[in-house]
N, C-alpha and C. Protein backbone atom coordinates (compact mmCIF):
# COMPACT_ATOMS: atom_id res chain seq x y z
N MET A 1 0.82 -1.16 0.00
CA MET A 1 0.00 0.00 0.00
C MET A 1 0.89 1.26 0.00
N ALA A 2 1.95 1.29 0.67
CA ALA A 2 2.88 2.41 0.71
C ALA A 2 3.44 2.64 -0.69
N GLN A 3 3.70 1.50 -1.35
CA GLN A 3 4.23 1.58 -2.72
C GLN A 3 3.18 2.24 -3.63
N ARG A 4 1.92 1.81 -3.49
CA ARG A 4 0.83 2.36 -4.29
C ARG A 4 0.64 3.84 -3.98
N SER A 5 0.74 4.18 -2.73
CA SER A 5 0.61 5.58 -2.32
C SER A 5 1.74 6.41 -2.91
N ALA A 6 2.95 5.83 -2.89
CA ALA A 6 4.10 6.54 -3.46
C ALA A 6 3.93 6.70 -4.95
N ASN A 7 3.45 5.64 -5.62
CA ASN A 7 3.22 5.72 -7.07
C ASN A 7 2.11 6.74 -7.38
N ALA A 8 1.07 6.69 -6.56
CA ALA A 8 -0.03 7.63 -6.75
C ALA A 8 0.46 9.06 -6.52
N ALA A 9 1.32 9.26 -5.53
CA ALA A 9 1.87 10.58 -5.24
C ALA A 9 2.72 11.06 -6.40
N LYS A 10 3.53 10.13 -6.98
CA LYS A 10 4.34 10.50 -8.14
C LYS A 10 3.44 10.86 -9.33
N GLU A 11 2.40 10.08 -9.51
CA GLU A 11 1.47 10.33 -10.61
C GLU A 11 0.77 11.68 -10.43
N ILE A 12 0.38 11.96 -9.17
CA ILE A 12 -0.25 13.25 -8.86
C ILE A 12 0.74 14.38 -9.10
N LYS A 13 2.00 14.16 -8.69
CA LYS A 13 3.04 15.16 -8.89
C LYS A 13 3.23 15.41 -10.39
N ASN A 14 3.27 14.34 -11.19
CA ASN A 14 3.43 14.48 -12.65
C ASN A 14 2.23 15.22 -13.26
N LEU A 15 1.04 14.86 -12.77
CA LEU A 15 -0.16 15.53 -13.27
C LEU A 15 -0.16 17.02 -12.91
N ILE A 16 0.28 17.31 -11.68
CA ILE A 16 0.36 18.71 -11.26
C ILE A 16 1.39 19.44 -12.12
N GLY A 17 2.54 18.80 -12.35
CA GLY A 17 3.59 19.41 -13.19
C GLY A 17 3.07 19.65 -14.60
N ALA A 18 2.35 18.68 -15.15
CA ALA A 18 1.79 18.84 -16.50
C ALA A 18 0.76 19.96 -16.50
N SER A 19 -0.04 20.03 -15.45
CA SER A 19 -1.04 21.09 -15.35
C SER A 19 -0.38 22.45 -15.27
N VAL A 20 0.70 22.54 -14.48
CA VAL A 20 1.42 23.80 -14.35
C VAL A 20 1.97 24.22 -15.71
N GLU A 21 2.55 23.26 -16.44
CA GLU A 21 3.09 23.57 -17.77
C GLU A 21 1.97 24.05 -18.71
N LYS A 22 0.82 23.37 -18.63
CA LYS A 22 -0.29 23.78 -19.50
C LYS A 22 -0.80 25.16 -19.11
N VAL A 23 -0.85 25.45 -17.82
CA VAL A 23 -1.29 26.77 -17.36
C VAL A 23 -0.30 27.83 -17.84
N GLU A 24 1.01 27.54 -17.71
CA GLU A 24 2.03 28.49 -18.17
C GLU A 24 1.93 28.69 -19.68
N SER A 25 1.73 27.59 -20.40
CA SER A 25 1.58 27.67 -21.85
C SER A 25 0.33 28.49 -22.21
N GLY A 26 -0.75 28.23 -21.50
CA GLY A 26 -1.99 28.99 -21.72
C GLY A 26 -1.79 30.45 -21.40
N SER A 27 -1.05 30.73 -20.35
CA SER A 27 -0.78 32.11 -19.96
C SER A 27 0.02 32.82 -21.04
N ARG A 28 1.02 32.11 -21.62
CA ARG A 28 1.80 32.69 -22.72
C ARG A 28 0.89 32.97 -23.92
N LEU A 29 -0.01 32.02 -24.19
CA LEU A 29 -0.94 32.21 -25.31
C LEU A 29 -1.85 33.41 -25.07
N VAL A 30 -2.30 33.58 -23.83
CA VAL A 30 -3.13 34.73 -23.49
C VAL A 30 -2.34 36.02 -23.66
N ASP A 31 -1.08 36.03 -23.22
CA ASP A 31 -0.23 37.21 -23.40
C ASP A 31 -0.05 37.53 -24.88
N ASP A 32 0.23 36.48 -25.67
CA ASP A 32 0.39 36.66 -27.12
C ASP A 32 -0.90 37.19 -27.75
N ALA A 33 -2.02 36.65 -27.33
CA ALA A 33 -3.31 37.11 -27.85
C ALA A 33 -3.55 38.56 -27.47
N GLY A 34 -3.18 38.93 -26.25
CA GLY A 34 -3.32 40.33 -25.82
C GLY A 34 -2.47 41.26 -26.66
N LYS A 35 -1.22 40.86 -26.94
CA LYS A 35 -0.35 41.69 -27.78
C LYS A 35 -0.91 41.80 -29.20
N THR A 36 -1.43 40.67 -29.69
CA THR A 36 -2.03 40.68 -31.03
C THR A 36 -3.24 41.61 -31.07
N MET A 37 -4.06 41.56 -30.03
CA MET A 37 -5.23 42.44 -29.96
C MET A 37 -4.79 43.91 -29.90
N ASP A 38 -3.72 44.20 -29.15
CA ASP A 38 -3.20 45.56 -29.09
C ASP A 38 -2.75 46.02 -30.48
N ASP A 39 -2.06 45.12 -31.21
CA ASP A 39 -1.63 45.44 -32.57
C ASP A 39 -2.84 45.70 -33.48
N ILE A 40 -3.86 44.86 -33.35
CA ILE A 40 -5.06 45.03 -34.17
C ILE A 40 -5.73 46.37 -33.86
N VAL A 41 -5.84 46.70 -32.59
CA VAL A 41 -6.44 47.98 -32.20
C VAL A 41 -5.63 49.15 -32.78
N ALA A 42 -4.30 49.05 -32.72
CA ALA A 42 -3.45 50.11 -33.28
C ALA A 42 -3.65 50.22 -34.79
N GLN A 43 -3.74 49.09 -35.49
CA GLN A 43 -3.95 49.11 -36.94
C GLN A 43 -5.32 49.67 -37.29
N VAL A 44 -6.32 49.32 -36.51
CA VAL A 44 -7.67 49.86 -36.75
C VAL A 44 -7.66 51.38 -36.57
N LYS A 45 -6.93 51.86 -35.56
CA LYS A 45 -6.83 53.30 -35.36
C LYS A 45 -6.13 53.96 -36.54
N ARG A 46 -5.07 53.32 -37.06
CA ARG A 46 -4.38 53.88 -38.23
C ARG A 46 -5.32 53.95 -39.42
N VAL A 47 -6.09 52.88 -39.64
CA VAL A 47 -7.05 52.87 -40.75
C VAL A 47 -8.08 53.97 -40.55
N SER A 48 -8.55 54.12 -39.33
CA SER A 48 -9.53 55.17 -39.02
C SER A 48 -8.94 56.55 -39.30
N ASP A 49 -7.69 56.76 -38.91
CA ASP A 49 -7.03 58.04 -39.17
C ASP A 49 -6.88 58.28 -40.67
N LEU A 50 -6.52 57.23 -41.42
CA LEU A 50 -6.39 57.36 -42.87
C LEU A 50 -7.73 57.69 -43.51
N ILE A 51 -8.79 57.06 -43.03
CA ILE A 51 -10.12 57.33 -43.56
C ILE A 51 -10.50 58.78 -43.28
N ALA A 52 -10.15 59.27 -42.09
CA ALA A 52 -10.44 60.67 -41.75
C ALA A 52 -9.66 61.61 -42.68
N GLU A 53 -8.40 61.28 -42.97
CA GLU A 53 -7.60 62.11 -43.87
C GLU A 53 -8.19 62.08 -45.28
N ILE A 54 -8.61 60.90 -45.74
CA ILE A 54 -9.22 60.78 -47.06
C ILE A 54 -10.50 61.60 -47.11
N SER A 55 -11.28 61.53 -46.05
CA SER A 55 -12.52 62.30 -45.99
C SER A 55 -12.24 63.79 -46.07
N SER A 56 -11.24 64.24 -45.34
CA SER A 56 -10.86 65.66 -45.35
C SER A 56 -10.39 66.07 -46.74
N ALA A 57 -9.57 65.23 -47.35
CA ALA A 57 -9.08 65.54 -48.70
C ALA A 57 -10.22 65.57 -49.70
N THR A 58 -11.18 64.67 -49.53
CA THR A 58 -12.35 64.65 -50.42
C THR A 58 -13.15 65.93 -50.28
N GLU A 59 -13.33 66.40 -49.05
CA GLU A 59 -14.05 67.66 -48.82
C GLU A 59 -13.32 68.83 -49.48
N GLU A 60 -11.98 68.84 -49.35
CA GLU A 60 -11.19 69.91 -49.97
C GLU A 60 -11.33 69.86 -51.49
N GLN A 61 -11.27 68.64 -52.05
CA GLN A 61 -11.42 68.50 -53.50
C GLN A 61 -12.81 68.95 -53.94
N SER A 62 -13.80 68.58 -53.17
CA SER A 62 -15.17 68.97 -53.50
C SER A 62 -15.30 70.48 -53.49
N SER A 63 -14.71 71.12 -52.50
CA SER A 63 -14.73 72.58 -52.43
C SER A 63 -14.00 73.18 -53.63
N GLY A 64 -12.86 72.60 -53.98
CA GLY A 64 -12.09 73.09 -55.14
C GLY A 64 -12.88 72.93 -56.43
N VAL A 65 -13.55 71.80 -56.58
CA VAL A 65 -14.36 71.57 -57.79
C VAL A 65 -15.50 72.59 -57.84
N ALA A 66 -16.11 72.88 -56.70
CA ALA A 66 -17.18 73.87 -56.66
C ALA A 66 -16.65 75.24 -57.07
N GLN A 67 -15.46 75.60 -56.61
CA GLN A 67 -14.87 76.88 -56.99
C GLN A 67 -14.59 76.93 -58.49
N VAL A 68 -14.07 75.84 -59.03
CA VAL A 68 -13.80 75.78 -60.47
C VAL A 68 -15.10 75.90 -61.24
N ASP A 69 -16.15 75.22 -60.74
CA ASP A 69 -17.45 75.28 -61.39
C ASP A 69 -17.97 76.71 -61.42
N ARG A 70 -17.84 77.42 -60.29
CA ARG A 70 -18.27 78.82 -60.23
C ARG A 70 -17.45 79.67 -61.21
N ALA A 71 -16.15 79.44 -61.25
CA ALA A 71 -15.27 80.20 -62.14
C ALA A 71 -15.65 79.96 -63.60
N VAL A 72 -15.93 78.70 -63.95
CA VAL A 72 -16.34 78.39 -65.32
C VAL A 72 -17.67 79.07 -65.64
N GLY A 73 -18.59 79.07 -64.69
CA GLY A 73 -19.86 79.77 -64.87
C GLY A 73 -19.64 81.27 -65.10
N ASP A 74 -18.75 81.85 -64.30
CA ASP A 74 -18.43 83.27 -64.46
C ASP A 74 -17.82 83.53 -65.84
N LEU A 75 -16.90 82.66 -66.25
CA LEU A 75 -16.27 82.81 -67.57
C LEU A 75 -17.31 82.69 -68.68
N ASP A 76 -18.24 81.79 -68.52
CA ASP A 76 -19.30 81.62 -69.52
C ASP A 76 -20.13 82.90 -69.61
N HIS A 77 -20.48 83.44 -68.46
CA HIS A 77 -21.28 84.68 -68.42
C HIS A 77 -20.51 85.82 -69.09
N ILE A 78 -19.24 85.96 -68.76
CA ILE A 78 -18.42 87.03 -69.34
C ILE A 78 -18.27 86.82 -70.85
N THR A 79 -18.11 85.57 -71.27
CA THR A 79 -18.00 85.28 -72.70
C THR A 79 -19.28 85.68 -73.43
N GLN A 80 -20.41 85.39 -72.82
CA GLN A 80 -21.69 85.80 -73.43
C GLN A 80 -21.80 87.32 -73.51
N GLN A 81 -21.37 87.98 -72.45
CA GLN A 81 -21.39 89.45 -72.46
C GLN A 81 -20.48 89.99 -73.57
N ASN A 82 -19.29 89.39 -73.67
CA ASN A 82 -18.34 89.83 -74.71
C ASN A 82 -18.92 89.59 -76.10
N ALA A 83 -19.58 88.46 -76.29
CA ALA A 83 -20.19 88.18 -77.60
C ALA A 83 -21.26 89.23 -77.91
N ALA A 84 -22.05 89.61 -76.92
CA ALA A 84 -23.07 90.65 -77.13
C ALA A 84 -22.41 91.98 -77.47
N LEU A 85 -21.32 92.30 -76.78
CA LEU A 85 -20.60 93.55 -77.07
C LEU A 85 -20.01 93.53 -78.47
N VAL A 86 -19.51 92.38 -78.90
CA VAL A 86 -18.97 92.27 -80.26
C VAL A 86 -20.08 92.52 -81.27
N GLU A 87 -21.24 91.94 -81.01
CA GLU A 87 -22.38 92.15 -81.92
C GLU A 87 -22.75 93.64 -81.96
N GLN A 88 -22.79 94.28 -80.80
CA GLN A 88 -23.11 95.70 -80.76
C GLN A 88 -22.05 96.52 -81.48
N SER A 89 -20.77 96.15 -81.29
CA SER A 89 -19.68 96.86 -81.95
C SER A 89 -19.77 96.69 -83.46
N THR A 90 -20.12 95.49 -83.88
CA THR A 90 -20.26 95.23 -85.32
C THR A 90 -21.38 96.08 -85.89
N ALA A 91 -22.50 96.12 -85.19
CA ALA A 91 -23.63 96.94 -85.64
C ALA A 91 -23.26 98.41 -85.68
N ALA A 92 -22.56 98.87 -84.64
CA ALA A 92 -22.14 100.28 -84.60
C ALA A 92 -21.16 100.57 -85.73
N SER A 93 -20.24 99.65 -86.00
CA SER A 93 -19.28 99.84 -87.09
C SER A 93 -20.00 99.93 -88.44
N GLU A 94 -20.96 99.07 -88.63
CA GLU A 94 -21.72 99.08 -89.88
C GLU A 94 -22.48 100.40 -90.03
N SER A 95 -23.07 100.87 -88.94
CA SER A 95 -23.79 102.15 -88.97
C SER A 95 -22.83 103.29 -89.30
N LEU A 96 -21.65 103.28 -88.64
CA LEU A 96 -20.65 104.33 -88.92
C LEU A 96 -20.18 104.26 -90.37
N LYS A 97 -20.04 103.05 -90.90
CA LYS A 97 -19.61 102.88 -92.29
C LYS A 97 -20.65 103.49 -93.23
N GLN A 98 -21.93 103.22 -92.93
CA GLN A 98 -23.00 103.78 -93.76
C GLN A 98 -23.02 105.30 -93.65
N GLN A 99 -22.86 105.82 -92.45
CA GLN A 99 -22.85 107.27 -92.26
C GLN A 99 -21.66 107.89 -92.98
N ALA A 100 -20.51 107.21 -92.90
CA ALA A 100 -19.31 107.73 -93.58
C ALA A 100 -19.54 107.74 -95.09
N THR A 101 -20.19 106.71 -95.60
CA THR A 101 -20.47 106.65 -97.05
C THR A 101 -21.38 107.81 -97.44
N ARG A 102 -22.43 108.05 -96.67
CA ARG A 102 -23.34 109.16 -96.95
C ARG A 102 -22.63 110.51 -96.85
N LEU A 103 -21.72 110.61 -95.84
CA LEU A 103 -20.98 111.86 -95.67
C LEU A 103 -20.07 112.11 -96.86
N VAL A 104 -19.41 111.04 -97.34
CA VAL A 104 -18.53 111.17 -98.51
C VAL A 104 -19.36 111.62 -99.71
N GLU A 105 -20.56 111.03 -99.87
CA GLU A 105 -21.44 111.41 -100.98
C GLU A 105 -21.88 112.87 -100.84
N ALA A 106 -22.16 113.26 -99.60
CA ALA A 106 -22.59 114.64 -99.38
C ALA A 106 -21.47 115.62 -99.65
N VAL A 107 -20.25 115.29 -99.27
CA VAL A 107 -19.11 116.16 -99.46
C VAL A 107 -18.74 116.21 -100.96
N SER A 108 -18.96 115.14 -101.66
CA SER A 108 -18.59 115.09 -103.08
C SER A 108 -19.42 116.07 -103.92
N VAL A 109 -20.57 116.48 -103.41
CA VAL A 109 -21.41 117.46 -104.10
C VAL A 109 -20.68 118.81 -104.15
N PHE A 110 -19.89 119.13 -103.13
CA PHE A 110 -19.22 120.40 -103.02
C PHE A 110 -17.93 120.45 -103.84
N ARG A 111 -17.55 119.35 -104.44
CA ARG A 111 -16.29 119.37 -105.17
C ARG A 111 -16.46 119.75 -106.57
């Protein structure tokens, strides 16, 4: 019986040793998992920061496009005004040409 008790004690000791090793191994795995989770959280924050930067850049681009759109609209308006002025100038030139022709005819009577 003493022999059996000694064998049982050795077996219990081995089981305890194996359990301790498994607990230590599990503890290392938990530590590794914690570090991995910390890395994942840091990467998620980086992605979030990048998304915020992209969003900000998109807003700036949108604002720039709106300014360009307004400038093109202004240029279109000015171009239309210039075209109207050219038409008026052409009409005025034609009128002056006709008046000059009549004036030349009128002056030619005195020669």
